[in-house]
Amino acid sequence: MLNGLYGCHINDLNMVRAGVVKHPKDWEHGGYNEIHSPKKRYRIIDHQELMQLFCVLDVIDFASIHRKWVEEALAGNRLKRQSRWTESVAVGDESFVKDGLIGRVRGRQVV
């Protein structure tokens, strides 16, 4: 499961890649801290949906898996930009992309 889901934490590494912080936990506004210390209000992440997508039943289990992904990426120096993420207009379900973005961008298609 871990190998196939490496892209999950890719946004968590943006500020590390940019040299702003050494670890995603040091960036207050990212998803890393919300995954590891879920807020009670004003959440950015839908934890139930995220866990369902990755077939994980428990928030603590998902945080543990996520931490492992991030640590493996940092230890393996896998901070290189990945075009499949950075050249996309948006990442989300088809209705989000079609309704929210595709009408504003010419020459793009939903994949």
PDB file of N, CA and C in Angstrom:
ATOM      1  N   MET A   1       0.812  -1.190   0.000  1.00  0.00           N
ATOM      2  CA  MET A   1       0.000   0.000   0.000  1.00  0.00           C
ATOM      3  C   MET A   1       0.860   1.261   0.000  1.00  0.00           C
ATOM      4  N   LEU A   2       1.929   1.299   0.738  1.00  0.00           N
ATOM      5  CA  LEU A   2       2.736   2.514   0.831  1.00  0.00           C
ATOM      6  C   LEU A   2       3.326   2.934  -0.499  1.00  0.00           C
ATOM      7  N   ASN A   3       3.831   1.993  -1.265  1.00  0.00           N
ATOM      8  CA  ASN A   3       4.468   2.354  -2.531  1.00  0.00           C
ATOM      9  C   ASN A   3       3.505   2.992  -3.507  1.00  0.00           C
ATOM     10  N   GLY A   4       2.286   2.529  -3.564  1.00  0.00           N
ATOM     11  CA  GLY A   4       1.320   3.046  -4.516  1.00  0.00           C
ATOM     12  C   GLY A   4       0.734   4.389  -4.138  1.00  0.00           C
ATOM     13  N   LEU A   5       0.942   4.837  -2.918  1.00  0.00           N
ATOM     14  CA  LEU A   5       0.289   6.050  -2.454  1.00  0.00           C
ATOM     15  C   LEU A   5       1.269   7.161  -2.117  1.00  0.00           C
ATOM     16  N   TYR A   6       2.452   7.104  -2.683  1.00  0.00           N
ATOM     17  CA  TYR A   6       3.486   8.088  -2.387  1.00  0.00           C
ATOM     18  C   TYR A   6       3.017   9.517  -2.626  1.00  0.00           C
ATOM     19  N   GLY A   7       2.192   9.749  -3.641  1.00  0.00           N
ATOM     20  CA  GLY A   7       1.755  11.095  -3.986  1.00  0.00           C
ATOM     21  C   GLY A   7       0.865  11.746  -2.953  1.00  0.00           C
ATOM     22  N   CYS A   8       0.337  10.993  -2.027  1.00  0.00           N
ATOM     23  CA  CYS A   8      -0.575  11.536  -1.038  1.00  0.00           C
ATOM     24  C   CYS A   8       0.015  12.707  -0.276  1.00  0.00           C
ATOM     25  N   HIS A   9       1.271  12.620   0.100  1.00  0.00           N
ATOM     26  CA  HIS A   9       1.866  13.651   0.935  1.00  0.00           C
ATOM     27  C   HIS A   9       2.670  14.672   0.131  1.00  0.00           C
ATOM     28  N   ILE A  10       2.527  14.666  -1.177  1.00  0.00           N
ATOM     29  CA  ILE A  10       3.357  15.510  -2.019  1.00  0.00           C
ATOM     30  C   ILE A  10       3.219  16.992  -1.659  1.00  0.00           C
ATOM     31  N   ASN A  11       2.009  17.455  -1.373  1.00  0.00           N
ATOM     32  CA  ASN A  11       1.825  18.854  -0.991  1.00  0.00           C
ATOM     33  C   ASN A  11       2.462  19.163   0.352  1.00  0.00           C
ATOM     34  N   ASP A  12       2.527  18.183   1.211  1.00  0.00           N
ATOM     35  CA  ASP A  12       3.148  18.393   2.514  1.00  0.00           C
ATOM     36  C   ASP A  12       4.627  18.717   2.381  1.00  0.00           C
ATOM     37  N   LEU A  13       5.224  18.340   1.283  1.00  0.00           N
ATOM     38  CA  LEU A  13       6.655  18.568   1.089  1.00  0.00           C
ATOM     39  C   LEU A  13       6.963  19.854   0.315  1.00  0.00           C
ATOM     40  N   ASN A  14       5.947  20.583  -0.126  1.00  0.00           N
ATOM     41  CA  ASN A  14       6.190  21.794  -0.922  1.00  0.00           C
ATOM     42  C   ASN A  14       7.090  22.792  -0.215  1.00  0.00           C
ATOM     43  N   MET A  15       6.817  23.089   1.031  1.00  0.00           N
ATOM     44  CA  MET A  15       7.606  24.097   1.750  1.00  0.00           C
ATOM     45  C   MET A  15       8.998  23.578   2.089  1.00  0.00           C
ATOM     46  N   VAL A  16       9.140  22.268   2.205  1.00  0.00           N
ATOM     47  CA  VAL A  16      10.465  21.671   2.403  1.00  0.00           C
ATOM     48  C   VAL A  16      11.268  21.832   1.114  1.00  0.00           C
ATOM     49  N   ARG A  17      10.629  21.497  -0.014  1.00  0.00           N
ATOM     50  CA  ARG A  17      11.279  21.651  -1.316  1.00  0.00           C
ATOM     51  C   ARG A  17      11.712  23.087  -1.555  1.00  0.00           C
ATOM     52  N   ALA A  18      10.885  24.023  -1.125  1.00  0.00           N
ATOM     53  CA  ALA A  18      11.172  25.448  -1.328  1.00  0.00           C
ATOM     54  C   ALA A  18      12.240  25.968  -0.371  1.00  0.00           C
ATOM     55  N   GLY A  19      12.618  25.156   0.622  1.00  0.00           N
ATOM     56  CA  GLY A  19      13.646  25.561   1.569  1.00  0.00           C
ATOM     57  C   GLY A  19      13.139  26.448   2.694  1.00  0.00           C
ATOM     58  N   VAL A  20      11.817  26.537   2.835  1.00  0.00           N
ATOM     59  CA  VAL A  20      11.225  27.373   3.880  1.00  0.00           C
ATOM     60  C   VAL A  20      11.308  26.694   5.240  1.00  0.00           C
ATOM     61  N   VAL A  21      11.101  25.375   5.258  1.00  0.00           N
ATOM     62  CA  VAL A  21      11.184  24.586   6.495  1.00  0.00           C
ATOM     63  C   VAL A  21      11.973  23.312   6.204  1.00  0.00           C
ATOM     64  N   LYS A  22      12.429  22.651   7.257  1.00  0.00           N
ATOM     65  CA  LYS A  22      13.166  21.392   7.098  1.00  0.00           C
ATOM     66  C   LYS A  22      12.247  20.174   7.153  1.00  0.00           C
ATOM     67  N   HIS A  23      11.079  20.342   7.778  1.00  0.00           N
ATOM     68  CA  HIS A  23      10.117  19.251   7.922  1.00  0.00           C
ATOM     69  C   HIS A  23       8.708  19.838   7.794  1.00  0.00           C
ATOM     70  N   PRO A  24       7.777  19.109   7.175  1.00  0.00           N
ATOM     71  CA  PRO A  24       6.414  19.631   7.007  1.00  0.00           C
ATOM     72  C   PRO A  24       5.723  20.026   8.312  1.00  0.00           C
ATOM     73  N   LYS A  25       6.097  19.418   9.422  1.00  0.00           N
ATOM     74  CA  LYS A  25       5.466  19.779  10.700  1.00  0.00           C
ATOM     75  C   LYS A  25       5.781  21.224  11.092  1.00  0.00           C
ATOM     76  N   ASP A  26       6.837  21.779  10.519  1.00  0.00           N
ATOM     77  CA  ASP A  26       7.232  23.149  10.840  1.00  0.00           C
ATOM     78  C   ASP A  26       6.444  24.189  10.055  1.00  0.00           C
ATOM     79  N   TRP A  27       5.635  23.760   9.089  1.00  0.00           N
ATOM     80  CA  TRP A  27       4.811  24.681   8.298  1.00  0.00           C
ATOM     81  C   TRP A  27       3.394  24.641   8.869  1.00  0.00           C
ATOM     82  N   GLU A  28       3.051  25.682   9.587  1.00  0.00           N
ATOM     83  CA  GLU A  28       1.801  25.738  10.340  1.00  0.00           C
ATOM     84  C   GLU A  28       0.553  25.570   9.466  1.00  0.00           C
ATOM     85  N   HIS A  29       0.606  26.006   8.232  1.00  0.00           N
ATOM     86  CA  HIS A  29      -0.594  26.062   7.402  1.00  0.00           C
ATOM     87  C   HIS A  29      -0.792  24.858   6.494  1.00  0.00           C
ATOM     88  N   GLY A  30       0.047  23.855   6.609  1.00  0.00           N
ATOM     89  CA  GLY A  30      -0.056  22.689   5.730  1.00  0.00           C
ATOM     90  C   GLY A  30      -0.943  21.600   6.302  1.00  0.00           C
ATOM     91  N   GLY A  31      -1.155  20.573   5.498  1.00  0.00           N
ATOM     92  CA  GLY A  31      -1.996  19.467   5.909  1.00  0.00           C
ATOM     93  C   GLY A  31      -1.335  18.504   6.870  1.00  0.00           C
ATOM     94  N   TYR A  32      -0.004  18.511   6.919  1.00  0.00           N
ATOM     95  CA  TYR A  32       0.705  17.565   7.777  1.00  0.00           C
ATOM     96  C   TYR A  32       0.218  17.660   9.228  1.00  0.00           C
ATOM     97  N   ASN A  33       0.198  18.850   9.768  1.00  0.00           N
ATOM     98  CA  ASN A  33      -0.201  19.015  11.173  1.00  0.00           C
ATOM     99  C   ASN A  33      -1.667  18.666  11.394  1.00  0.00           C
ATOM    100  N   GLU A  34      -2.499  18.938  10.415  1.00  0.00           N
ATOM    101  CA  GLU A  34      -3.913  18.597  10.577  1.00  0.00           C
ATOM    102  C   GLU A  34      -4.136  17.089  10.543  1.00  0.00           C
ATOM    103  N   ILE A  35      -3.327  16.384   9.800  1.00  0.00           N
ATOM    104  CA  ILE A  35      -3.432  14.920   9.770  1.00  0.00           C
ATOM    105  C   ILE A  35      -2.985  14.340  11.115  1.00  0.00           C
ATOM    106  N   HIS A  36      -1.952  14.914  11.699  1.00  0.00           N
ATOM    107  CA  HIS A  36      -1.399  14.365  12.935  1.00  0.00           C
ATOM    108  C   HIS A  36      -2.045  14.916  14.197  1.00  0.00           C
ATOM    109  N   SER A  37      -2.683  16.064  14.108  1.00  0.00           N
ATOM    110  CA  SER A  37      -3.413  16.654  15.231  1.00  0.00           C
ATOM    111  C   SER A  37      -4.701  17.258  14.689  1.00  0.00           C
ATOM    112  N   PRO A  38      -5.679  16.425  14.368  1.00  0.00           N
ATOM    113  CA  PRO A  38      -6.900  16.927  13.733  1.00  0.00           C
ATOM    114  C   PRO A  38      -7.589  18.010  14.559  1.00  0.00           C
ATOM    115  N   LYS A  39      -8.013  19.053  13.859  1.00  0.00           N
ATOM    116  CA  LYS A  39      -8.743  20.144  14.507  1.00  0.00           C
ATOM    117  C   LYS A  39     -10.174  19.700  14.767  1.00  0.00           C
ATOM    118  N   LYS A  40     -10.786  20.302  15.749  1.00  0.00           N
ATOM    119  CA  LYS A  40     -12.189  20.026  16.020  1.00  0.00           C
ATOM    120  C   LYS A  40     -13.089  20.912  15.166  1.00  0.00           C
ATOM    121  N   ARG A  41     -12.601  22.124  14.854  1.00  0.00           N
ATOM    122  CA  ARG A  41     -13.352  23.074  14.030  1.00  0.00           C
ATOM    123  C   ARG A  41     -12.453  23.614  12.929  1.00  0.00           C
ATOM    124  N   TYR A  42     -13.073  24.138  11.903  1.00  0.00           N
ATOM    125  CA  TYR A  42     -12.367  24.797  10.789  1.00  0.00           C
ATOM    126  C   TYR A  42     -11.326  23.890  10.145  1.00  0.00           C
ATOM    127  N   ARG A  43     -11.739  22.674   9.875  1.00  0.00           N
ATOM    128  CA  ARG A  43     -10.840  21.709   9.251  1.00  0.00           C
ATOM    129  C   ARG A  43     -10.648  22.011   7.774  1.00  0.00           C
ATOM    130  N   ILE A  44      -9.477  21.687   7.292  1.00  0.00           N
ATOM    131  CA  ILE A  44      -9.181  21.757   5.871  1.00  0.00           C
ATOM    132  C   ILE A  44      -9.413  20.384   5.249  1.00  0.00           C
ATOM    133  N   ILE A  45      -9.120  19.344   5.983  1.00  0.00           N
ATOM    134  CA  ILE A  45      -9.132  17.976   5.475  1.00  0.00           C
ATOM    135  C   ILE A  45     -10.374  17.231   5.945  1.00  0.00           C
ATOM    136  N   ASP A  46     -11.006  16.529   5.027  1.00  0.00           N
ATOM    137  CA  ASP A  46     -12.104  15.621   5.356  1.00  0.00           C
ATOM    138  C   ASP A  46     -11.464  14.270   5.684  1.00  0.00           C
ATOM    139  N   HIS A  47     -11.214  14.030   6.961  1.00  0.00           N
ATOM    140  CA  HIS A  47     -10.495  12.835   7.388  1.00  0.00           C
ATOM    141  C   HIS A  47     -11.226  11.549   7.012  1.00  0.00           C
ATOM    142  N   GLN A  48     -12.538  11.542   7.136  1.00  0.00           N
ATOM    143  CA  GLN A  48     -13.285  10.323   6.806  1.00  0.00           C
ATOM    144  C   GLN A  48     -13.137   9.973   5.331  1.00  0.00           C
ATOM    145  N   GLU A  49     -13.239  10.973   4.471  1.00  0.00           N
ATOM    146  CA  GLU A  49     -13.091  10.735   3.028  1.00  0.00           C
ATOM    147  C   GLU A  49     -11.669  10.291   2.700  1.00  0.00           C
ATOM    148  N   LEU A  50     -10.697  10.934   3.307  1.00  0.00           N
ATOM    149  CA  LEU A  50      -9.299  10.586   3.074  1.00  0.00           C
ATOM    150  C   LEU A  50      -9.011   9.142   3.488  1.00  0.00           C
ATOM    151  N   MET A  51      -9.485   8.772   4.665  1.00  0.00           N
ATOM    152  CA  MET A  51      -9.263   7.404   5.138  1.00  0.00           C
ATOM    153  C   MET A  51      -9.974   6.391   4.248  1.00  0.00           C
ATOM    154  N   GLN A  52     -11.158   6.741   3.775  1.00  0.00           N
ATOM    155  CA  GLN A  52     -11.884   5.843   2.879  1.00  0.00           C
ATOM    156  C   GLN A  52     -11.119   5.657   1.570  1.00  0.00           C
ATOM    157  N   LEU A  53     -10.565   6.734   1.036  1.00  0.00           N
ATOM    158  CA  LEU A  53      -9.799   6.643  -0.208  1.00  0.00           C
ATOM    159  C   LEU A  53      -8.610   5.695  -0.085  1.00  0.00           C
ATOM    160  N   PHE A  54      -7.999   5.665   1.096  1.00  0.00           N
ATOM    161  CA  PHE A  54      -6.812   4.840   1.303  1.00  0.00           C
ATOM    162  C   PHE A  54      -7.101   3.562   2.081  1.00  0.00           C
ATOM    163  N   CYS A  55      -8.392   3.251   2.242  1.00  0.00           N
ATOM    164  CA  CYS A  55      -8.814   2.009   2.906  1.00  0.00           C
ATOM    165  C   CYS A  55      -8.203   1.868   4.298  1.00  0.00           C
ATOM    166  N   VAL A  56      -8.216   2.950   5.042  1.00  0.00           N
ATOM    167  CA  VAL A  56      -7.727   2.955   6.420  1.00  0.00           C
ATOM    168  C   VAL A  56      -8.922   3.273   7.314  1.00  0.00           C
ATOM    169  N   LEU A  57      -9.069   2.555   8.401  1.00  0.00           N
ATOM    170  CA  LEU A  57     -10.255   2.693   9.238  1.00  0.00           C
ATOM    171  C   LEU A  57     -10.094   3.630  10.426  1.00  0.00           C
ATOM    172  N   ASP A  58      -8.857   3.980  10.757  1.00  0.00           N
ATOM    173  CA  ASP A  58      -8.616   4.719  11.993  1.00  0.00           C
ATOM    174  C   ASP A  58      -7.729   5.929  11.727  1.00  0.00           C
ATOM    175  N   VAL A  59      -8.067   7.072  12.317  1.00  0.00           N
ATOM    176  CA  VAL A  59      -7.292   8.311  12.148  1.00  0.00           C
ATOM    177  C   VAL A  59      -5.848   8.120  12.617  1.00  0.00           C
ATOM    178  N   ILE A  60      -5.664   7.420  13.713  1.00  0.00           N
ATOM    179  CA  ILE A  60      -4.311   7.197  14.244  1.00  0.00           C
ATOM    180  C   ILE A  60      -3.496   6.323  13.293  1.00  0.00           C
ATOM    181  N   ASP A  61      -4.136   5.299  12.717  1.00  0.00           N
ATOM    182  CA  ASP A  61      -3.439   4.455  11.738  1.00  0.00           C
ATOM    183  C   ASP A  61      -3.040   5.267  10.511  1.00  0.00           C
ATOM    184  N   PHE A  62      -3.961   6.114  10.036  1.00  0.00           N
ATOM    185  CA  PHE A  62      -3.634   6.915   8.858  1.00  0.00           C
ATOM    186  C   PHE A  62      -2.483   7.874   9.160  1.00  0.00           C
ATOM    187  N   ALA A  63      -2.501   8.501  10.320  1.00  0.00           N
ATOM    188  CA  ALA A  63      -1.406   9.413  10.700  1.00  0.00           C
ATOM    189  C   ALA A  63      -0.074   8.670  10.728  1.00  0.00           C
ATOM    190  N   SER A  64      -0.087   7.450  11.223  1.00  0.00           N
ATOM    191  CA  SER A  64       1.136   6.655  11.279  1.00  0.00           C
ATOM    192  C   SER A  64       1.650   6.338   9.875  1.00  0.00           C
ATOM    193  N   ILE A  65       0.750   5.945   8.986  1.00  0.00           N
ATOM    194  CA  ILE A  65       1.129   5.654   7.602  1.00  0.00           C
ATOM    195  C   ILE A  65       1.639   6.920   6.926  1.00  0.00           C
ATOM    196  N   HIS A  66       0.939   7.999   7.126  1.00  0.00           N
ATOM    197  CA  HIS A  66       1.329   9.282   6.524  1.00  0.00           C
ATOM    198  C   HIS A  66       2.712   9.717   7.007  1.00  0.00           C
ATOM    199  N   ARG A  67       2.937   9.597   8.312  1.00  0.00           N
ATOM    200  CA  ARG A  67       4.248   9.956   8.873  1.00  0.00           C
ATOM    201  C   ARG A  67       5.349   9.134   8.211  1.00  0.00           C
ATOM    202  N   LYS A  68       5.073   7.844   7.998  1.00  0.00           N
ATOM    203  CA  LYS A  68       6.057   6.970   7.361  1.00  0.00           C
ATOM    204  C   LYS A  68       6.339   7.418   5.925  1.00  0.00           C
ATOM    205  N   TRP A  69       5.313   7.784   5.166  1.00  0.00           N
ATOM    206  CA  TRP A  69       5.501   8.275   3.797  1.00  0.00           C
ATOM    207  C   TRP A  69       6.416   9.488   3.787  1.00  0.00           C
ATOM    208  N   VAL A  70       6.112  10.430   4.668  1.00  0.00           N
ATOM    209  CA  VAL A  70       6.898  11.673   4.710  1.00  0.00           C
ATOM    210  C   VAL A  70       8.336  11.383   5.118  1.00  0.00           C
ATOM    211  N   GLU A  71       8.527  10.588   6.150  1.00  0.00           N
ATOM    212  CA  GLU A  71       9.880  10.275   6.616  1.00  0.00           C
ATOM    213  C   GLU A  71      10.676   9.531   5.540  1.00  0.00           C
ATOM    214  N   GLU A  72      10.025   8.610   4.817  1.00  0.00           N
ATOM    215  CA  GLU A  72      10.708   7.900   3.739  1.00  0.00           C
ATOM    216  C   GLU A  72      11.127   8.868   2.632  1.00  0.00           C
ATOM    217  N   ALA A  73      10.260   9.804   2.305  1.00  0.00           N
ATOM    218  CA  ALA A  73      10.584  10.788   1.270  1.00  0.00           C
ATOM    219  C   ALA A  73      11.744  11.677   1.703  1.00  0.00           C
ATOM    220  N   LEU A  74      11.719  12.108   2.954  1.00  0.00           N
ATOM    221  CA  LEU A  74      12.799  12.962   3.461  1.00  0.00           C
ATOM    222  C   LEU A  74      14.116  12.196   3.544  1.00  0.00           C
ATOM    223  N   ALA A  75      14.079  10.971   4.041  1.00  0.00           N
ATOM    224  CA  ALA A  75      15.294  10.162   4.191  1.00  0.00           C
ATOM    225  C   ALA A  75      15.864   9.759   2.834  1.00  0.00           C
ATOM    226  N   GLY A  76      14.991   9.502   1.878  1.00  0.00           N
ATOM    227  CA  GLY A  76      15.431   9.086   0.553  1.00  0.00           C
ATOM    228  C   GLY A  76      15.693  10.253  -0.372  1.00  0.00           C
ATOM    229  N   ASN A  77      15.605  11.465   0.182  1.00  0.00           N
ATOM    230  CA  ASN A  77      15.830  12.680  -0.603  1.00  0.00           C
ATOM    231  C   ASN A  77      14.951  12.700  -1.857  1.00  0.00           C
ATOM    232  N   ARG A  78      13.686  12.324  -1.681  1.00  0.00           N
ATOM    233  CA  ARG A  78      12.742  12.326  -2.796  1.00  0.00           C
ATOM    234  C   ARG A  78      11.946  13.624  -2.798  1.00  0.00           C
ATOM    235  N   LEU A  79      12.646  14.718  -2.890  1.00  0.00           N
ATOM    236  CA  LEU A  79      11.996  16.017  -2.851  1.00  0.00           C
ATOM    237  C   LEU A  79      11.917  16.670  -4.222  1.00  0.00           C
ATOM    238  N   LYS A  80      12.346  15.945  -5.234  1.00  0.00           N
ATOM    239  CA  LYS A  80      12.324  16.468  -6.590  1.00  0.00           C
ATOM    240  C   LYS A  80      10.879  16.715  -7.038  1.00  0.00           C
ATOM    241  N   ARG A  81      10.678  17.780  -7.763  1.00  0.00           N
ATOM    242  CA  ARG A  81       9.377  18.116  -8.319  1.00  0.00           C
ATOM    243  C   ARG A  81       8.871  16.953  -9.174  1.00  0.00           C
ATOM    244  N   GLN A  82       7.598  16.618  -9.021  1.00  0.00           N
ATOM    245  CA  GLN A  82       6.997  15.545  -9.802  1.00  0.00           C
ATOM    246  C   GLN A  82       5.965  16.152 -10.749  1.00  0.00           C
ATOM    247  N   SER A  83       6.241  16.080 -12.032  1.00  0.00           N
ATOM    248  CA  SER A  83       5.415  16.758 -13.030  1.00  0.00           C
ATOM    249  C   SER A  83       3.956  16.319 -13.003  1.00  0.00           C
ATOM    250  N   ARG A  84       3.684  15.073 -12.646  1.00  0.00           N
ATOM    251  CA  ARG A  84       2.283  14.628 -12.650  1.00  0.00           C
ATOM    252  C   ARG A  84       1.436  15.426 -11.666  1.00  0.00           C
ATOM    253  N   TRP A  85       2.076  16.019 -10.649  1.00  0.00           N
ATOM    254  CA  TRP A  85       1.356  16.844  -9.689  1.00  0.00           C
ATOM    255  C   TRP A  85       1.477  18.325 -10.020  1.00  0.00           C
ATOM    256  N   THR A  86       2.638  18.762 -10.406  1.00  0.00           N
ATOM    257  CA  THR A  86       2.865  20.197 -10.551  1.00  0.00           C
ATOM    258  C   THR A  86       2.432  20.771 -11.886  1.00  0.00           C
ATOM    259  N   GLU A  87       2.179  19.938 -12.871  1.00  0.00           N
ATOM    260  CA  GLU A  87       1.724  20.448 -14.160  1.00  0.00           C
ATOM    261  C   GLU A  87       0.223  20.287 -14.340  1.00  0.00           C
ATOM    262  N   SER A  88      -0.454  19.835 -13.323  1.00  0.00           N
ATOM    263  CA  SER A  88      -1.901  19.686 -13.381  1.00  0.00           C
ATOM    264  C   SER A  88      -2.559  21.011 -13.036  1.00  0.00           C
ATOM    265  N   VAL A  89      -3.716  21.234 -13.615  1.00  0.00           N
ATOM    266  CA  VAL A  89      -4.488  22.419 -13.264  1.00  0.00           C
ATOM    267  C   VAL A  89      -5.083  22.220 -11.884  1.00  0.00           C
ATOM    268  N   ALA A  90      -5.616  21.030 -11.640  1.00  0.00           N
ATOM    269  CA  ALA A  90      -6.249  20.748 -10.354  1.00  0.00           C
ATOM    270  C   ALA A  90      -6.233  19.259 -10.099  1.00  0.00           C
ATOM    271  N   VAL A  91      -6.284  18.901  -8.850  1.00  0.00           N
ATOM    272  CA  VAL A  91      -6.424  17.509  -8.460  1.00  0.00           C
ATOM    273  C   VAL A  91      -7.663  17.444  -7.588  1.00  0.00           C
ATOM    274  N   GLY A  92      -8.567  16.593  -7.953  1.00  0.00           N
ATOM    275  CA  GLY A  92      -9.808  16.447  -7.202  1.00  0.00           C
ATOM    276  C   GLY A  92     -10.734  15.525  -7.946  1.00  0.00           C
ATOM    277  N   ASP A  93     -11.941  15.333  -7.420  1.00  0.00           N
ATOM    278  CA  ASP A  93     -12.862  14.472  -8.145  1.00  0.00           C
ATOM    279  C   ASP A  93     -13.386  15.208  -9.374  1.00  0.00           C
ATOM    280  N   GLU A  94     -13.976  14.462 -10.286  1.00  0.00           N
ATOM    281  CA  GLU A  94     -14.367  15.005 -11.587  1.00  0.00           C
ATOM    282  C   GLU A  94     -15.337  16.178 -11.458  1.00  0.00           C
ATOM    283  N   SER A  95     -16.305  16.107 -10.538  1.00  0.00           N
ATOM    284  CA  SER A  95     -17.267  17.208 -10.401  1.00  0.00           C
ATOM    285  C   SER A  95     -16.589  18.483  -9.911  1.00  0.00           C
ATOM    286  N   PHE A  96     -15.625  18.362  -9.010  1.00  0.00           N
ATOM    287  CA  PHE A  96     -14.889  19.532  -8.527  1.00  0.00           C
ATOM    288  C   PHE A  96     -14.143  20.204  -9.679  1.00  0.00           C
ATOM    289  N   VAL A  97     -13.453  19.410 -10.455  1.00  0.00           N
ATOM    290  CA  VAL A  97     -12.658  19.957 -11.548  1.00  0.00           C
ATOM    291  C   VAL A  97     -13.561  20.554 -12.623  1.00  0.00           C
ATOM    292  N   LYS A  98     -14.595  19.817 -13.031  1.00  0.00           N
ATOM    293  CA  LYS A  98     -15.487  20.312 -14.090  1.00  0.00           C
ATOM    294  C   LYS A  98     -16.245  21.554 -13.647  1.00  0.00           C
ATOM    295  N   ASP A  99     -16.864  21.491 -12.490  1.00  0.00           N
ATOM    296  CA  ASP A  99     -17.702  22.601 -12.037  1.00  0.00           C
ATOM    297  C   ASP A  99     -16.882  23.806 -11.617  1.00  0.00           C
ATOM    298  N   GLY A 100     -15.750  23.562 -10.990  1.00  0.00           N
ATOM    299  CA  GLY A 100     -14.989  24.666 -10.428  1.00  0.00           C
ATOM    300  C   GLY A 100     -13.937  25.262 -11.327  1.00  0.00           C
ATOM    301  N   LEU A 101     -13.373  24.474 -12.242  1.00  0.00           N
ATOM    302  CA  LEU A 101     -12.198  24.973 -12.946  1.00  0.00           C
ATOM    303  C   LEU A 101     -12.216  24.856 -14.461  1.00  0.00           C
ATOM    304  N   ILE A 102     -12.747  23.791 -14.987  1.00  0.00           N
ATOM    305  CA  ILE A 102     -12.549  23.510 -16.407  1.00  0.00           C
ATOM    306  C   ILE A 102     -13.127  24.593 -17.313  1.00  0.00           C
ATOM    307  N   GLY A 103     -14.185  25.259 -16.890  1.00  0.00           N
ATOM    308  CA  GLY A 103     -14.765  26.318 -17.701  1.00  0.00           C
ATOM    309  C   GLY A 103     -13.860  27.536 -17.832  1.00  0.00           C
ATOM    310  N   ARG A 104     -12.912  27.701 -16.923  1.00  0.00           N
ATOM    311  CA  ARG A 104     -12.010  28.863 -16.930  1.00  0.00           C
ATOM    312  C   ARG A 104     -10.699  28.611 -17.653  1.00  0.00           C
ATOM    313  N   VAL A 105     -10.448  27.371 -18.042  1.00  0.00           N
ATOM    314  CA  VAL A 105      -9.163  27.020 -18.637  1.00  0.00           C
ATOM    315  C   VAL A 105      -9.387  26.431 -20.020  1.00  0.00           C
ATOM    316  N   ARG A 106      -8.753  27.011 -21.024  1.00  0.00           N
ATOM    317  CA  ARG A 106      -8.897  26.507 -22.385  1.00  0.00           C
ATOM    318  C   ARG A 106      -7.850  25.422 -22.678  1.00  0.00           C
ATOM    319  N   GLY A 107      -8.253  24.468 -23.503  1.00  0.00           N
ATOM    320  CA  GLY A 107      -7.313  23.455 -23.953  1.00  0.00           C
ATOM    321  C   GLY A 107      -6.979  22.385 -22.930  1.00  0.00           C
ATOM    322  N   ARG A 108      -7.720  22.305 -21.860  1.00  0.00           N
ATOM    323  CA  ARG A 108      -7.470  21.281 -20.839  1.00  0.00           C
ATOM    324  C   ARG A 108      -8.632  20.318 -20.808  1.00  0.00           C
ATOM    325  N   GLN A 109      -8.390  19.118 -20.384  1.00  0.00           N
ATOM    326  CA  GLN A 109      -9.448  18.139 -20.247  1.00  0.00           C
ATOM    327  C   GLN A 109      -9.339  17.443 -18.901  1.00  0.00           C
ATOM    328  N   VAL A 110     -10.454  16.918 -18.463  1.00  0.00           N
ATOM    329  CA  VAL A 110     -10.494  16.186 -17.205  1.00  0.00           C
ATOM    330  C   VAL A 110     -10.028  14.772 -17.480  1.00  0.00           C
ATOM    331  N   VAL A 111      -9.036  14.312 -16.722  1.00  0.00           N
ATOM    332  CA  VAL A 111      -8.494  12.968 -16.882  1.00  0.00           C
ATOM    333  C   VAL A 111      -8.750  12.194 -15.604  1.00  0.00           C
TER     334      VAL A 111
END
